[in-house]
Amino acid sequence: MEHEISFDPSFSLLTVTLDQGESIRAESGAMVSHDTSIDMETNATGGFLKSITRSLGGESFFQNTFHARAPGEIQFASVLPGDIVHRELDNETLYVQSSSYIAGDPSLDIDSDFGGAKSFLGGEGLILLKAEGSGPLFISSYGAIQAVDLSERDDFVIDTGHIVAFEDSLDFTVKRVGGLKSTLTSGEGLVCHFSGEGTVWLQSRSQGAFLAWLIPKIPQRPN
């Protein structure tokens, strides 16, 4: 399996080249195009009931697996404008914000692992997928992706809306920003405190912050 990421970091497009017999699994709706030599199969991953649970949290019911009957290309893109990065897992675990997972090797175990309580103010929480095993994994962002190595930091705080992924070697806790008054006046909801040695990937834009800016500007229909 070979891949190329073009038009990054603003409008990234992932092109994967599959040899005969190779496959790749992707989030529903991520596929842009593919050669006619590639077939698609739709499955409920992590068990049907877990797939339904994920869908109720904004994640899709199913994932699509693409099989190459002969060599061919397939392209993927995220819903929002942003970047795509490749991470080659080697018998390891990576936690991925659910909206950032785009595609990966079918042998990877992709399952919902943790759902933090959503902020009643901003609607932002920390809903993670656990990617485990060996093989290529592709994650996407809203805006550009920055990899931060925490080995030279004692502690690091990220707004939950800006988290893309992080290694399982890191310890983390989800907290509210300050007290209730600070949360109400600062415009921030929940943050994640990271410590330990490992890498965390963050995105330069937040879906929740964009919606908070956009929704008040949408004209409302009179009753």
Protein backbone atom coordinates (compact mmCIF):
# COMPACT_ATOMS: atom_id res chain seq x y z
CA MET A 1 0.00 0.00 0.00
CA GLU A 2 1.35 3.41 -0.99
CA HIS A 3 -0.14 6.82 -0.31
CA GLU A 4 0.21 10.48 -1.24
CA ILE A 5 -1.24 13.51 0.55
CA SER A 6 -1.76 16.53 -1.70
CA PHE A 7 -3.17 20.06 -1.31
CA ASP A 8 -2.15 20.17 2.36
CA PRO A 9 -2.54 21.69 4.86
CA SER A 10 -5.78 23.46 3.98
CA PHE A 11 -7.64 21.12 1.61
CA SER A 12 -5.79 17.83 1.94
CA LEU A 13 -6.61 14.93 -0.36
CA LEU A 14 -5.38 11.41 0.43
CA THR A 15 -4.64 9.11 -2.52
CA VAL A 16 -3.99 5.46 -1.64
CA THR A 17 -2.60 3.02 -4.20
CA LEU A 18 -3.61 -0.60 -3.57
CA ASP A 19 -1.99 -3.65 -5.11
CA GLN A 20 -4.13 -6.63 -6.06
CA GLY A 21 -5.53 -8.22 -2.90
CA GLU A 22 -4.87 -5.21 -0.65
CA SER A 23 -7.60 -3.41 1.29
CA ILE A 24 -8.19 -0.24 3.27
CA ARG A 25 -11.00 0.64 5.67
CA ALA A 26 -12.41 4.16 5.92
CA GLU A 27 -15.00 6.16 7.78
CA SER A 28 -18.35 6.35 6.01
CA GLY A 29 -18.49 9.36 3.69
CA ALA A 30 -14.70 9.81 3.45
CA MET A 31 -14.33 8.30 -0.04
CA VAL A 32 -13.92 10.81 -2.88
CA SER A 33 -13.24 8.50 -5.86
CA HIS A 34 -11.79 5.12 -6.79
CA ASP A 35 -10.87 3.01 -9.81
CA THR A 36 -13.33 0.41 -11.07
CA SER A 37 -10.89 -2.33 -10.00
CA ILE A 38 -11.75 -1.56 -6.37
CA ASP A 39 -14.85 -2.98 -4.65
CA MET A 40 -16.53 -1.60 -1.53
CA GLU A 41 -17.96 -3.57 1.39
CA THR A 42 -19.87 -1.94 4.27
CA ASN A 43 -19.66 -3.37 7.78
CA ALA A 44 -20.72 -2.46 11.29
CA THR A 45 -17.43 -2.25 13.16
CA GLY A 46 -16.97 -3.03 16.84
CA GLY A 47 -20.24 -4.92 16.92
CA PHE A 48 -23.60 -3.73 15.68
CA LEU A 49 -24.78 -2.34 19.03
CA LYS A 50 -21.53 -0.42 19.50
CA SER A 51 -21.93 0.99 16.01
CA ILE A 52 -25.40 2.23 16.90
CA THR A 53 -24.05 3.78 20.11
CA ARG A 54 -21.35 5.58 18.17
CA SER A 55 -23.89 6.87 15.67
CA LEU A 56 -25.97 8.43 18.43
CA GLY A 57 -22.87 10.38 19.46
CA GLY A 58 -22.37 11.77 15.96
CA GLU A 59 -20.23 8.93 14.63
CA SER A 60 -21.46 6.84 11.70
CA PHE A 61 -23.00 3.37 12.06
CA PHE A 62 -20.65 1.69 9.64
CA GLN A 63 -17.26 1.80 7.99
CA ASN A 64 -16.46 0.96 4.39
CA THR A 65 -13.73 -1.51 3.41
CA PHE A 66 -12.29 -1.18 -0.09
CA HIS A 67 -10.76 -4.28 -1.73
CA ALA A 68 -8.56 -4.19 -4.84
CA ARG A 69 -9.32 -6.92 -7.41
CA ALA A 70 -6.49 -5.41 -9.44
CA PRO A 71 -4.08 -2.52 -8.75
CA GLY A 72 -5.87 0.80 -8.43
CA GLU A 73 -6.21 4.11 -6.62
CA ILE A 74 -8.73 5.40 -4.11
CA GLN A 75 -9.03 8.92 -2.74
CA PHE A 76 -10.27 10.17 0.64
CA ALA A 77 -10.95 13.58 2.16
CA SER A 78 -12.38 14.88 5.41
CA VAL A 79 -15.66 16.79 5.64
CA LEU A 80 -14.05 20.02 6.85
CA PRO A 81 -11.12 21.84 5.19
CA GLY A 82 -7.89 20.81 6.84
CA ASP A 83 -4.90 18.50 6.92
CA ILE A 84 -4.35 14.74 6.78
CA VAL A 85 -1.41 12.97 8.39
CA HIS A 86 -0.16 9.39 8.23
CA ARG A 87 0.90 7.42 11.30
CA GLU A 88 2.32 3.91 10.98
CA LEU A 89 1.29 1.89 14.03
CA ASP A 90 3.61 -0.90 15.16
CA ASN A 91 1.74 -3.01 17.69
CA GLU A 92 0.73 0.13 19.56
CA THR A 93 -2.28 2.24 20.51
CA LEU A 94 -3.28 5.73 19.44
CA TYR A 95 -6.28 7.64 20.74
CA VAL A 96 -8.05 9.65 18.02
CA GLN A 97 -10.77 12.26 18.38
CA SER A 98 -13.76 10.56 16.76
CA SER A 99 -14.23 13.22 14.07
CA SER A 100 -10.54 12.99 13.07
CA TYR A 101 -10.42 9.32 12.05
CA ILE A 102 -10.48 8.98 8.25
CA ALA A 103 -8.97 5.62 7.18
CA GLY A 104 -6.59 2.81 8.09
CA ASP A 105 -5.47 -0.74 7.59
CA PRO A 106 -8.38 -3.21 8.02
CA SER A 107 -6.33 -5.15 10.58
CA LEU A 108 -6.40 -2.19 12.98
CA ASP A 109 -8.91 -2.43 15.81
CA ILE A 110 -10.86 0.85 15.74
CA ASP A 111 -13.34 1.13 18.56
CA SER A 112 -14.89 3.74 20.83
CA ASP A 113 -12.99 3.80 24.10
CA PHE A 114 -13.90 6.88 26.08
CA GLY A 115 -16.61 9.52 25.93
CA GLY A 116 -16.12 12.51 28.17
CA ALA A 117 -19.15 14.39 29.42
CA LYS A 118 -20.05 17.11 26.97
CA SER A 119 -19.91 20.72 28.07
CA PHE A 120 -23.40 22.06 28.65
CA LEU A 121 -22.06 25.43 27.51
CA GLY A 122 -20.16 24.77 24.31
CA GLY A 123 -21.22 21.25 23.41
CA GLU A 124 -17.57 20.20 23.33
CA GLY A 125 -16.42 17.00 24.96
CA LEU A 126 -13.75 14.40 24.42
CA ILE A 127 -15.06 11.45 22.43
CA LEU A 128 -12.19 9.17 21.48
CA LEU A 129 -11.61 6.20 19.25
CA LYS A 130 -8.95 3.67 20.22
CA ALA A 131 -6.81 2.61 17.25
CA GLU A 132 -4.80 -0.47 18.14
CA GLY A 133 -2.54 -2.86 16.23
CA SER A 134 -0.09 -2.54 13.35
CA GLY A 135 -0.52 -0.81 10.01
CA PRO A 136 -1.07 2.60 8.41
CA LEU A 137 -3.54 5.01 10.02
CA PHE A 138 -4.70 8.31 8.52
CA ILE A 139 -6.15 11.10 10.65
CA SER A 140 -7.62 14.41 9.57
CA SER A 141 -8.15 17.82 11.11
CA TYR A 142 -10.09 21.05 10.84
CA GLY A 143 -7.28 23.43 9.94
CA ALA A 144 -3.60 22.53 10.13
CA ILE A 145 -2.19 19.74 12.33
CA GLN A 146 0.66 20.34 14.74
CA ALA A 147 2.54 17.49 16.45
CA VAL A 148 3.72 18.40 19.98
CA ASP A 149 6.35 16.28 21.74
CA LEU A 150 5.65 16.41 25.47
CA SER A 151 8.97 14.85 26.52
CA GLU A 152 10.37 18.36 27.07
CA ARG A 153 7.30 19.68 28.90
CA ASP A 154 6.08 19.00 32.42
CA ASP A 155 2.42 19.56 31.58
CA PHE A 156 0.35 20.69 28.62
CA VAL A 157 -3.23 21.95 28.36
CA ILE A 158 -5.31 21.76 25.16
CA ASP A 159 -8.89 22.79 24.55
CA THR A 160 -10.79 19.57 23.81
CA GLY A 161 -12.03 21.02 20.53
CA HIS A 162 -8.45 21.23 19.24
CA ILE A 163 -7.34 17.67 20.04
CA VAL A 164 -6.74 15.38 17.05
CA ALA A 165 -4.91 12.40 18.54
CA PHE A 166 -2.37 11.36 21.17
CA GLU A 167 -0.21 8.39 22.12
CA ASP A 168 -1.35 6.10 24.91
CA SER A 169 1.91 6.69 26.79
CA LEU A 170 0.46 10.03 27.90
CA ASP A 171 -1.68 10.53 31.00
CA PHE A 172 -4.64 12.87 30.61
CA THR A 173 -7.55 14.31 32.56
CA VAL A 174 -10.51 16.29 31.22
CA LYS A 175 -11.34 19.38 33.27
CA ARG A 176 -13.54 22.44 33.16
CA VAL A 177 -11.75 25.76 32.67
CA GLY A 178 -11.49 27.30 36.15
CA GLY A 179 -14.70 27.66 38.09
CA LEU A 180 -18.20 28.08 36.72
CA LYS A 181 -17.78 31.87 36.45
CA SER A 182 -14.55 31.50 34.47
CA THR A 183 -16.18 28.96 32.19
CA LEU A 184 -19.12 31.28 31.54
CA THR A 185 -17.01 34.37 30.80
CA SER A 186 -13.90 32.97 29.12
CA GLY A 187 -15.59 31.39 26.12
CA GLU A 188 -13.86 28.10 26.93
CA GLY A 189 -15.53 24.87 28.00
CA LEU A 190 -13.47 21.76 28.67
CA VAL A 191 -9.71 21.34 28.48
CA CYS A 192 -7.46 18.29 28.59
CA HIS A 193 -4.39 18.22 30.83
CA PHE A 194 -1.62 16.00 29.39
CA SER A 195 1.50 14.76 31.16
CA GLY A 196 4.17 12.14 30.50
CA GLU A 197 6.27 11.36 27.46
CA GLY A 198 4.69 11.06 24.04
CA THR A 199 3.17 13.04 21.19
CA VAL A 200 -0.15 14.83 20.93
CA TRP A 201 -1.53 16.16 17.66
CA LEU A 202 -3.67 19.29 17.75
CA GLN A 203 -5.64 21.16 15.09
CA SER A 204 -5.49 24.90 14.51
CA ARG A 205 -9.27 25.27 14.25
CA SER A 206 -12.17 24.03 16.37
CA GLN A 207 -15.51 22.84 14.99
CA GLY A 208 -17.28 23.88 18.20
CA ALA A 209 -15.80 27.38 18.14
CA PHE A 210 -16.80 27.80 14.48
CA LEU A 211 -20.37 26.72 15.20
CA ALA A 212 -20.54 29.03 18.22
CA TRP A 213 -19.55 31.90 15.91
CA LEU A 214 -21.81 30.86 13.01
CA ILE A 215 -25.11 29.87 14.61
CA PRO A 216 -25.99 33.30 16.10
CA LYS A 217 -25.50 34.82 12.64
CA ILE A 218 -28.02 32.50 10.93
CA PRO A 219 -31.33 34.31 10.39
CA GLN A 220 -34.15 32.79 12.41
CA ARG A 221 -37.57 32.18 10.92
CA PRO A 222 -40.30 34.11 12.68
CA ASN A 223 -42.76 31.93 14.63
